[in-house]
Structures are given as structure tokens and as C-alpha cells.
Amino acid sequence: MGRVTPIQPYIKVKSQWTYLYRAVDSKGKTIDFMLSEKRDRKAAQRFFRKALALDNVQNPRVITVDKNPAYPVAIENLKKNDKLPQETQVRQLKYLNNIIEQDHRFIKKRTNRMLGFKSFRTAEQTITGIETIHMIKKGQVECNHSSPLFVVQLIHQLFGLIA
């Protein structure tokens, strides 16, 4: 894996803003996502640990982040604990590149219409569904796209709706 870019759209839960951490690779494929009540070093570190622990994720060469001061501290802690290679570069950019904004748009389109979520659990489940559908549409899940029934069955399996 070459580059990873985490992004966080804000999601309203119980009239409070929560943060959706998302990691996207250089090809625009979603690596992982996590909804968090806080946007601090601990949350960033937890997200990076979660994303780096996935089987299909290799150690990134470059991590592009926004200007949030929690990222460099979280990444340095991961390097100290050998969760991330020392040679991994961190780039902080105020405005992320177009690939990220385009991917981010899909989530915003779905969540901005809502007035917010009543519970954190409902928000997590809804975001998981949106992300899953988006990953299927982007071709990240190998399935027969010509069969809507297959996609429905896949979603039911992913969410444990059928055995």
C-alpha cells in the first residue's frame, strides 16, 4: 500500500457533532472507517491501530492528514510502539486531494439530508451500511454486480440478517 489518507466528515448525533474517521488508499479504495465521539489523539490512534490491523492492509509509505494536531502525536506513538514503520512519512495538508473529497462526497450526500441521529449506535449502523454499499459500488467487494438479488443476499450476510 502506498498512501493512506484519513478524512473525517462530521456527523450529528443527539445534537452533538461526532467524527467519522475514514482511511482511503491512493486508488480511492476505502480501507476502514470509525465513528468517534471525540477528535483527539486517543481517537486518532485507535483508528490507525484498527486500520493497520486489517489483513489486507500493508504498511503505508505516506499518510496524508489534515492540520489536526492530534495526528502527528498519534502517528509518533504508533511508531514508538512498532505498530507503524519509522520510515512512514506524514504529510499534513489543509485541503486534501480531490480523490478524497470525491469519496467523502458520497457520505455527505447521505448524511446531510438527515437532521442527525438519535443514538450513537444508530449512527454507527447507518454509516456501516452506507460504507458497505459504497464499497460494493466501487468494486471493492467481489460479487456479481449484474444480480441485485446477490447484492441483497450479501448485505444480509454482512449484517447478520440471515444465517
Foldseek 3Di string as FASTA:
>chain_A
DEEKEWDWDWAAEQNATWTKIWIAGPVLATQDIDIGRDDALVVLLVVVLVSLPDPPDDAYQEYEYEPPPSVVVSVVVCCVVVSHPPNRYYHYHNDDDPSVVVSVVQVCVVRVVDPGHHHPVVVVVVVVVSSVVVNVVVVVDDDDVVDPVRVVVVVCVVVVVDD
